[in-house]
Amino acid sequence: MKVVVLVSGGMDSVTALYQAHRDHEVIAGLSFDYGSKHNHREIPFAASHCKTLGVRHEVISLGFMNDLFKSDLLRSGGEIPEGHYEASNMKKTVVPFRNGIMLSIAAGYAESIEAEGLVIAAHSGDHAIYADCREEFMAPMAEAIAQGTDVDLQVLRPFIEMRKEDIAAAADELGLDLADTWSCYKGGEIHCGKCGTCVERKEAFLLAKLIDGTVYEG
């Protein structure tokens, strides 16, 4: 199947990119610059991995989200909260309907370049606080995209029932060095080690019994 992969540059989407490259024909990787505090750290990793695989990489600017939406993940928002990824204070990092917007745009792009599928790396660890990462959202969204495209475009979500440690294990099986990915929401020079996504990243390697080559501040 010819597929487009939504690749942010994080460990989940990069793993999905390589898995899709193994299992399908990846005709493009698609990143979105929507004004998050860490877009500038993530996207270069997405570009680098696409280049390694010889895959076309496109970046779509969604600056209106930073201008109009309320979220501490955005540059226009407040401080990134610290603590466990599934804690209630992490809801401050929700960007309203982010995946709905990105999937809609990606569907139009995918149909335009004659792809048959879209790959998104949403996983079960996201379910606690991100409504648009849950299968209750993904399934009807996938059906709408299939019905709304002449090519019956499929939304593939290979990690939807997997946790972060499962994705780390999958990356290891693919021979990926996940140190060449970015997670930290704060977007500094190195991973802070304290924000929710850094905590989740650390936990994933620990539970998967893998060496974490990421450099953290704390």
Protein backbone atom coordinates (compact mmCIF):
# COMPACT_ATOMS: atom_id res chain seq x y z
CA MET A 1 0.00 0.00 0.00
CA LYS A 2 1.21 3.51 -0.81
CA VAL A 3 1.12 5.49 2.43
CA VAL A 4 1.79 8.91 3.91
CA VAL A 5 3.14 8.89 7.46
CA LEU A 6 2.44 11.68 9.93
CA VAL A 7 5.89 12.08 11.44
CA SER A 8 6.52 14.67 14.11
CA GLY A 9 10.06 13.60 14.95
CA GLY A 10 9.09 11.96 18.24
CA MET A 11 9.86 8.35 19.11
CA ASP A 12 6.34 7.10 18.29
CA SER A 13 6.02 8.64 14.84
CA VAL A 14 9.60 7.84 13.83
CA THR A 15 9.04 4.20 14.80
CA ALA A 16 5.81 4.25 12.79
CA LEU A 17 7.74 5.68 9.83
CA TYR A 18 10.28 2.85 9.84
CA GLN A 19 7.64 0.19 10.42
CA ALA A 20 5.59 1.58 7.54
CA HIS A 21 8.72 1.63 5.37
CA ARG A 22 9.14 -2.07 6.13
CA ASP A 23 5.51 -3.01 5.53
CA HIS A 24 4.32 -0.54 2.87
CA GLU A 25 5.54 1.91 0.23
CA VAL A 26 6.01 5.22 2.03
CA ILE A 27 5.63 8.00 -0.52
CA ALA A 28 5.84 10.92 1.92
CA GLY A 29 6.40 11.91 5.52
CA LEU A 30 4.29 14.82 6.72
CA SER A 31 5.10 17.15 9.64
CA PHE A 32 3.07 20.03 11.02
CA ASP A 33 4.50 23.24 12.46
CA TYR A 34 1.58 24.38 14.60
CA GLY A 35 3.41 26.62 17.03
CA SER A 36 4.31 24.16 19.77
CA LYS A 37 7.23 24.95 22.04
CA HIS A 38 9.08 21.91 20.71
CA ASN A 39 8.28 21.93 16.97
CA HIS A 40 11.69 23.41 16.20
CA ARG A 41 13.37 20.48 18.01
CA GLU A 42 11.15 17.71 16.64
CA ILE A 43 10.84 18.54 12.96
CA PRO A 44 14.58 18.32 12.12
CA PHE A 45 14.53 14.72 13.37
CA ALA A 46 11.52 13.98 11.16
CA ALA A 47 13.35 15.47 8.18
CA SER A 48 16.53 13.54 8.96
CA HIS A 49 14.79 10.16 9.19
CA CYS A 50 12.84 10.76 5.99
CA LYS A 51 16.11 11.62 4.25
CA THR A 52 17.71 8.43 5.57
CA LEU A 53 14.88 6.40 4.07
CA GLY A 54 14.80 8.37 0.84
CA VAL A 55 11.26 9.56 1.60
CA ARG A 56 9.84 12.90 0.51
CA HIS A 57 9.28 15.14 3.54
CA GLU A 58 6.83 18.01 3.72
CA VAL A 59 6.21 20.51 6.54
CA ILE A 60 2.81 22.20 6.71
CA SER A 61 2.52 25.42 8.70
CA LEU A 62 -0.53 25.73 10.96
CA GLY A 63 0.36 29.00 12.67
CA PHE A 64 -3.28 29.82 13.28
CA MET A 65 -3.33 27.20 16.04
CA ASN A 66 -0.70 29.10 18.02
CA ASP A 67 -2.58 32.36 17.42
CA LEU A 68 -6.10 31.18 18.21
CA PHE A 69 -6.01 28.03 20.33
CA LYS A 70 -5.52 27.74 24.09
CA SER A 71 -2.83 25.29 25.21
CA ASP A 72 0.33 25.47 27.29
CA LEU A 73 2.01 23.31 24.65
CA LEU A 74 1.88 26.28 22.29
CA ARG A 75 4.35 29.15 22.30
CA SER A 76 1.43 31.46 23.07
CA GLY A 77 0.55 29.43 26.19
CA GLY A 78 1.87 29.20 29.72
CA GLU A 79 4.60 27.09 31.29
CA ILE A 80 4.81 23.39 30.45
CA PRO A 81 3.66 21.41 33.52
CA GLU A 82 5.91 18.82 35.11
CA GLY A 83 4.98 15.39 36.43
CA HIS A 84 3.64 12.09 35.14
CA TYR A 85 2.28 12.06 31.61
CA GLU A 86 -1.12 10.74 32.68
CA ALA A 87 -1.58 13.24 35.54
CA SER A 88 -4.51 15.64 35.34
CA ASN A 89 -2.28 18.73 35.07
CA MET A 90 -1.04 17.44 31.72
CA LYS A 91 -4.42 18.40 30.26
CA LYS A 92 -2.92 21.88 30.00
CA THR A 93 -0.88 20.52 27.07
CA VAL A 94 -3.93 19.48 25.05
CA VAL A 95 -4.15 21.34 21.73
CA PRO A 96 -7.88 21.29 20.88
CA PHE A 97 -8.75 18.85 18.08
CA ARG A 98 -5.14 18.75 16.89
CA ASN A 99 -5.31 15.27 15.39
CA GLY A 100 -8.65 15.99 13.73
CA ILE A 101 -7.19 19.02 11.99
CA MET A 102 -3.97 17.28 11.00
CA LEU A 103 -5.69 14.15 9.72
CA SER A 104 -8.08 16.22 7.62
CA ILE A 105 -5.23 18.11 5.97
CA ALA A 106 -3.14 14.96 5.61
CA ALA A 107 -6.07 13.21 3.92
CA GLY A 108 -6.31 15.91 1.27
CA TYR A 109 -2.56 15.81 0.71
CA ALA A 110 -2.47 12.00 0.59
CA GLU A 111 -5.25 11.85 -1.98
CA SER A 112 -3.48 14.52 -4.04
CA ILE A 113 -0.32 12.42 -4.32
CA GLU A 114 -2.27 9.19 -4.93
CA ALA A 115 -1.62 7.54 -1.59
CA GLU A 116 -3.90 4.77 -0.37
CA GLY A 117 -3.28 5.12 3.36
CA LEU A 118 -2.33 7.47 6.18
CA VAL A 119 -0.28 6.26 9.15
CA ILE A 120 -0.66 7.94 12.54
CA ALA A 121 1.22 6.84 15.67
CA ALA A 122 -1.40 7.57 18.35
CA HIS A 123 -1.05 5.05 21.17
CA SER A 124 -2.89 3.97 24.30
CA GLY A 125 -0.67 6.00 26.62
CA ASP A 126 -2.21 9.10 25.05
CA HIS A 127 -5.76 8.03 25.85
CA ALA A 128 -5.88 9.38 29.41
CA ILE A 129 -5.81 13.05 28.47
CA TYR A 130 -5.96 13.34 24.67
CA ALA A 131 -9.48 12.66 23.41
CA ASP A 132 -8.41 12.83 19.76
CA CYS A 133 -5.92 9.98 20.28
CA ARG A 134 -8.56 7.47 21.39
CA GLU A 135 -10.02 4.81 19.14
CA GLU A 136 -13.49 6.23 19.92
CA PHE A 137 -12.34 9.24 17.88
CA MET A 138 -10.00 7.53 15.45
CA ALA A 139 -12.48 4.94 14.18
CA PRO A 140 -15.20 7.40 13.08
CA MET A 141 -12.56 9.82 11.79
CA ALA A 142 -11.07 7.02 9.71
CA GLU A 143 -14.52 6.15 8.38
CA ALA A 144 -15.19 9.79 7.47
CA ILE A 145 -11.87 10.02 5.61
CA ALA A 146 -12.56 6.78 3.75
CA GLN A 147 -16.04 7.97 2.80
CA GLY A 148 -14.85 11.45 1.90
CA THR A 149 -12.11 10.42 -0.52
CA ASP A 150 -12.50 8.90 -3.98
CA VAL A 151 -9.68 6.45 -3.24
CA ASP A 152 -11.24 5.14 0.03
CA LEU A 153 -8.18 6.40 1.89
CA GLN A 154 -7.38 4.23 4.89
CA VAL A 155 -6.21 5.60 8.25
CA LEU A 156 -3.74 3.09 9.68
CA ARG A 157 -3.16 3.31 13.42
CA PRO A 158 -0.73 0.48 14.24
CA PHE A 159 -0.01 1.59 17.81
CA ILE A 160 -3.53 2.46 18.97
CA GLU A 161 -3.63 -0.41 21.52
CA MET A 162 0.06 -0.22 22.41
CA ARG A 163 1.76 1.58 25.27
CA LYS A 164 4.98 3.60 25.01
CA GLU A 165 7.16 0.72 26.21
CA ASP A 166 5.73 -1.47 23.42
CA ILE A 167 6.70 1.17 20.88
CA ALA A 168 10.21 1.37 22.35
CA ALA A 169 10.48 -2.42 21.98
CA ALA A 170 9.23 -2.22 18.39
CA ALA A 171 11.83 0.44 17.61
CA ASP A 172 14.53 -1.78 19.08
CA GLU A 173 13.42 -4.66 16.84
CA LEU A 174 13.68 -2.33 13.86
CA GLY A 175 17.24 -1.39 14.87
CA LEU A 176 16.32 2.24 15.56
CA ASP A 177 18.37 4.51 17.81
CA LEU A 178 15.63 6.48 19.57
CA ALA A 179 18.20 8.96 20.86
CA ASP A 180 17.71 10.44 17.39
CA THR A 181 14.15 11.51 18.22
CA TRP A 182 12.68 14.30 20.31
CA SER A 183 10.02 14.18 23.04
CA CYS A 184 10.50 17.07 25.49
CA TYR A 185 7.62 19.56 25.40
CA LYS A 186 9.82 22.38 26.70
CA GLY A 187 11.93 22.42 23.54
CA GLY A 188 15.26 23.27 25.14
CA GLU A 189 18.75 22.25 24.06
CA ILE A 190 18.37 18.84 25.73
CA HIS A 191 15.43 16.92 27.21
CA CYS A 192 14.37 18.44 30.54
CA GLY A 193 13.60 15.03 32.07
CA LYS A 194 10.71 16.45 34.14
CA CYS A 195 7.82 17.28 31.82
CA GLY A 196 5.15 14.66 31.21
CA THR A 197 6.50 13.44 27.91
CA CYS A 198 10.06 13.16 29.25
CA VAL A 199 8.77 11.17 32.23
CA GLU A 200 6.83 8.89 29.89
CA ARG A 201 9.90 8.45 27.66
CA LYS A 202 12.09 7.45 30.62
CA GLU A 203 9.42 5.06 31.88
CA ALA A 204 9.07 3.44 28.44
CA PHE A 205 12.74 2.50 28.24
CA LEU A 206 12.70 1.25 31.83
CA LEU A 207 9.63 -0.95 31.31
CA ALA A 208 10.94 -2.24 27.98
CA LYS A 209 14.29 -3.03 29.68
CA LEU A 210 16.18 -1.05 27.07
CA ILE A 211 19.09 1.40 27.38
CA ASP A 212 17.93 4.99 27.05
CA GLY A 213 20.53 6.98 25.14
CA THR A 214 18.63 10.26 25.65
CA VAL A 215 20.49 13.03 27.48
CA TYR A 216 18.32 14.66 30.18
CA GLU A 217 18.83 17.71 32.37
CA GLY A 218 17.26 15.96 35.33
